Amino acid sequence: QVRPVESGGGLVQAGESLTLVCTAPGFCGVAWYRQPQGKQREYVSSVSVDGDTTTYSDSVKGRFTITKDKSKGAVYLRMTSLKPDDTAVYYCKTTGAARTCDAWGQGTQVTVSP
């Protein structure tokens, strides 16, 4: 399995934007999850292998946008209008039919201050 790598986390103020990047094999789909401190990991968004199908959780719909650049093997999670409740460690997970597309990244911290 090829482990995806997240980047782009950081500290921002409420209302600001941030873009996370997941570097993963282009033949895999990608899903983003997040885990607030002391809470369970929850689904955020996903994109299909071909990049044409995207889904979002209700909590981020309309604020987050996921896109895939197959040429670069990168998936971007553009997060806008961030809220303190978005504070969490964000994880990237590969998905898809290929046996190698089932791996978690190490996560990147996103902190949104009031």
C-alpha atoms as a PDB file:
ATOM      1  CA  GLN A   1       0.000   0.000   0.000  1.00  0.00           C
ATOM      2  CA  VAL A   2       1.102   3.518  -0.753  1.00  0.00           C
ATOM      3  CA  ARG A   3       0.357   5.748   2.179  1.00  0.00           C
ATOM      4  CA  PRO A   4      -1.124   9.158   1.271  1.00  0.00           C
ATOM      5  CA  VAL A   5       0.491  12.306   2.662  1.00  0.00           C
ATOM      6  CA  GLU A   6      -1.442  15.306   3.950  1.00  0.00           C
ATOM      7  CA  SER A   7      -0.201  18.893   4.061  1.00  0.00           C
ATOM      8  CA  GLY A   8      -1.550  22.415   4.408  1.00  0.00           C
ATOM      9  CA  GLY A   9      -2.841  22.410   7.950  1.00  0.00           C
ATOM     10  CA  GLY A  10      -2.345  25.337  10.269  1.00  0.00           C
ATOM     11  CA  LEU A  11      -3.857  27.956  12.555  1.00  0.00           C
ATOM     12  CA  VAL A  12      -6.433  30.368  11.160  1.00  0.00           C
ATOM     13  CA  GLN A  13      -9.115  32.653  12.532  1.00  0.00           C
ATOM     14  CA  ALA A  14     -12.833  32.018  12.189  1.00  0.00           C
ATOM     15  CA  GLY A  15     -14.113  33.038   8.788  1.00  0.00           C
ATOM     16  CA  GLU A  16     -10.790  32.475   7.060  1.00  0.00           C
ATOM     17  CA  SER A  17      -9.889  29.837   4.480  1.00  0.00           C
ATOM     18  CA  LEU A  18      -7.364  27.032   4.222  1.00  0.00           C
ATOM     19  CA  THR A  19      -6.524  24.429   1.589  1.00  0.00           C
ATOM     20  CA  LEU A  20      -5.397  20.939   2.497  1.00  0.00           C
ATOM     21  CA  VAL A  21      -3.514  18.761   0.053  1.00  0.00           C
ATOM     22  CA  CYS A  22      -3.473  14.978  -0.102  1.00  0.00           C
ATOM     23  CA  THR A  23      -0.747  13.434  -2.236  1.00  0.00           C
ATOM     24  CA  ALA A  24      -1.882   9.989  -3.322  1.00  0.00           C
ATOM     25  CA  PRO A  25      -1.705   7.649  -6.322  1.00  0.00           C
ATOM     26  CA  GLY A  26      -3.792   8.950  -9.202  1.00  0.00           C
ATOM     27  CA  PHE A  27      -5.556   5.604  -9.618  1.00  0.00           C
ATOM     28  CA  CYS A  28      -7.121   5.910  -6.151  1.00  0.00           C
ATOM     29  CA  GLY A  29     -10.079   7.879  -4.968  1.00  0.00           C
ATOM     30  CA  VAL A  30      -9.606   9.950  -1.829  1.00  0.00           C
ATOM     31  CA  ALA A  31     -11.687  10.620   1.239  1.00  0.00           C
ATOM     32  CA  TRP A  32     -11.066  13.205   3.932  1.00  0.00           C
ATOM     33  CA  TYR A  33     -11.922  12.552   7.556  1.00  0.00           C
ATOM     34  CA  ARG A  34     -11.348  14.614  10.664  1.00  0.00           C
ATOM     35  CA  GLN A  35     -11.003  13.900  14.347  1.00  0.00           C
ATOM     36  CA  PRO A  36     -11.523  16.622  16.923  1.00  0.00           C
ATOM     37  CA  GLN A  37      -9.605  16.120  20.133  1.00  0.00           C
ATOM     38  CA  GLY A  38     -11.400  13.651  22.380  1.00  0.00           C
ATOM     39  CA  LYS A  39     -13.981  12.750  19.746  1.00  0.00           C
ATOM     40  CA  GLN A  40     -14.453  10.084  17.101  1.00  0.00           C
ATOM     41  CA  ARG A  41     -13.162  10.375  13.583  1.00  0.00           C
ATOM     42  CA  GLU A  42     -15.841  11.624  11.192  1.00  0.00           C
ATOM     43  CA  TYR A  43     -16.279  11.703   7.446  1.00  0.00           C
ATOM     44  CA  VAL A  44     -15.810  15.057   5.697  1.00  0.00           C
ATOM     45  CA  SER A  45     -15.674  14.636   1.932  1.00  0.00           C
ATOM     46  CA  SER A  46     -14.597  12.336  -0.878  1.00  0.00           C
ATOM     47  CA  VAL A  47     -13.767  12.319  -4.571  1.00  0.00           C
ATOM     48  CA  SER A  48     -13.922   9.425  -7.010  1.00  0.00           C
ATOM     49  CA  VAL A  49     -11.013   7.939  -8.894  1.00  0.00           C
ATOM     50  CA  ASP A  50     -11.846   9.894 -12.042  1.00  0.00           C
ATOM     51  CA  GLY A  51     -12.483  13.067 -10.059  1.00  0.00           C
ATOM     52  CA  ASP A  52     -15.996  13.469 -11.401  1.00  0.00           C
ATOM     53  CA  THR A  53     -17.990  12.477  -8.329  1.00  0.00           C
ATOM     54  CA  THR A  54     -17.739  14.329  -5.029  1.00  0.00           C
ATOM     55  CA  THR A  55     -19.608  14.025  -1.757  1.00  0.00           C
ATOM     56  CA  TYR A  56     -19.706  16.088   1.424  1.00  0.00           C
ATOM     57  CA  SER A  57     -20.953  15.757   4.953  1.00  0.00           C
ATOM     58  CA  ASP A  58     -23.793  18.074   5.896  1.00  0.00           C
ATOM     59  CA  SER A  59     -21.539  19.955   8.303  1.00  0.00           C
ATOM     60  CA  VAL A  60     -19.211  21.160   5.532  1.00  0.00           C
ATOM     61  CA  LYS A  61     -21.470  21.245   2.484  1.00  0.00           C
ATOM     62  CA  GLY A  62     -21.346  24.648   0.846  1.00  0.00           C
ATOM     63  CA  ARG A  63     -18.135  25.617   2.644  1.00  0.00           C
ATOM     64  CA  PHE A  64     -15.636  22.946   1.587  1.00  0.00           C
ATOM     65  CA  THR A  65     -14.729  21.947  -1.965  1.00  0.00           C
ATOM     66  CA  ILE A  66     -12.801  18.829  -2.949  1.00  0.00           C
ATOM     67  CA  THR A  67     -10.985  18.597  -6.265  1.00  0.00           C
ATOM     68  CA  LYS A  68      -8.580  16.163  -7.836  1.00  0.00           C
ATOM     69  CA  ASP A  69      -5.623  16.883 -10.070  1.00  0.00           C
ATOM     70  CA  LYS A  70      -4.862  13.502 -11.622  1.00  0.00           C
ATOM     71  CA  SER A  71      -1.751  14.760 -13.379  1.00  0.00           C
ATOM     72  CA  LYS A  72      -0.175  15.708 -10.057  1.00  0.00           C
ATOM     73  CA  GLY A  73      -1.615  12.890  -7.975  1.00  0.00           C
ATOM     74  CA  ALA A  74      -3.065  15.503  -5.648  1.00  0.00           C
ATOM     75  CA  VAL A  75      -6.443  16.036  -4.027  1.00  0.00           C
ATOM     76  CA  TYR A  76      -7.276  19.444  -2.628  1.00  0.00           C
ATOM     77  CA  LEU A  77      -9.744  20.241   0.132  1.00  0.00           C
ATOM     78  CA  ARG A  78     -10.540  23.932  -0.034  1.00  0.00           C
ATOM     79  CA  MET A  79     -12.083  25.010   3.265  1.00  0.00           C
ATOM     80  CA  THR A  80     -13.793  28.379   3.505  1.00  0.00           C
ATOM     81  CA  SER A  81     -15.777  30.181   6.203  1.00  0.00           C
ATOM     82  CA  LEU A  82     -13.978  28.118   8.801  1.00  0.00           C
ATOM     83  CA  LYS A  83     -15.481  27.788  12.264  1.00  0.00           C
ATOM     84  CA  PRO A  84     -13.927  26.810  15.604  1.00  0.00           C
ATOM     85  CA  ASP A  85     -15.920  23.561  15.313  1.00  0.00           C
ATOM     86  CA  ASP A  86     -13.800  22.672  12.266  1.00  0.00           C
ATOM     87  CA  THR A  87     -10.764  22.336  14.528  1.00  0.00           C
ATOM     88  CA  ALA A  88      -9.470  18.790  14.211  1.00  0.00           C
ATOM     89  CA  VAL A  89      -6.766  16.567  12.825  1.00  0.00           C
ATOM     90  CA  TYR A  90      -7.644  16.007   9.170  1.00  0.00           C
ATOM     91  CA  TYR A  91      -6.833  12.648   7.629  1.00  0.00           C
ATOM     92  CA  CYS A  92      -6.662  11.581   4.020  1.00  0.00           C
ATOM     93  CA  LYS A  93      -7.594   8.032   3.047  1.00  0.00           C
ATOM     94  CA  THR A  94      -7.222   6.357  -0.316  1.00  0.00           C
ATOM     95  CA  THR A  95     -10.225   4.502  -1.691  1.00  0.00           C
ATOM     96  CA  GLY A  96     -11.109   2.446  -4.737  1.00  0.00           C
ATOM     97  CA  ALA A  97     -11.084  -1.013  -6.216  1.00  0.00           C
ATOM     98  CA  ALA A  98      -7.321  -1.393  -6.371  1.00  0.00           C
ATOM     99  CA  ARG A  99      -5.958  -3.362  -3.460  1.00  0.00           C
ATOM    100  CA  THR A 100      -3.367  -0.679  -2.793  1.00  0.00           C
ATOM    101  CA  CYS A 101      -6.055   2.000  -2.390  1.00  0.00           C
ATOM    102  CA  ASP A 102      -6.847   1.455   1.264  1.00  0.00           C
ATOM    103  CA  ALA A 103      -4.453   3.467   3.375  1.00  0.00           C
ATOM    104  CA  TRP A 104      -4.548   6.338   5.855  1.00  0.00           C
ATOM    105  CA  GLY A 105      -2.250   9.292   6.033  1.00  0.00           C
ATOM    106  CA  GLN A 106      -0.748  10.534   9.285  1.00  0.00           C
ATOM    107  CA  GLY A 107      -2.985  13.577   9.486  1.00  0.00           C
ATOM    108  CA  THR A 108      -2.567  17.338   9.565  1.00  0.00           C
ATOM    109  CA  GLN A 109      -3.783  19.661  12.304  1.00  0.00           C
ATOM    110  CA  VAL A 110      -6.258  22.417  11.535  1.00  0.00           C
ATOM    111  CA  THR A 111      -6.996  24.893  14.311  1.00  0.00           C
ATOM    112  CA  VAL A 112      -9.601  27.628  13.954  1.00  0.00           C
ATOM    113  CA  SER A 113      -9.552  30.323  16.610  1.00  0.00           C
ATOM    114  CA  PRO A 114     -12.700  32.327  17.497  1.00  0.00           C
END
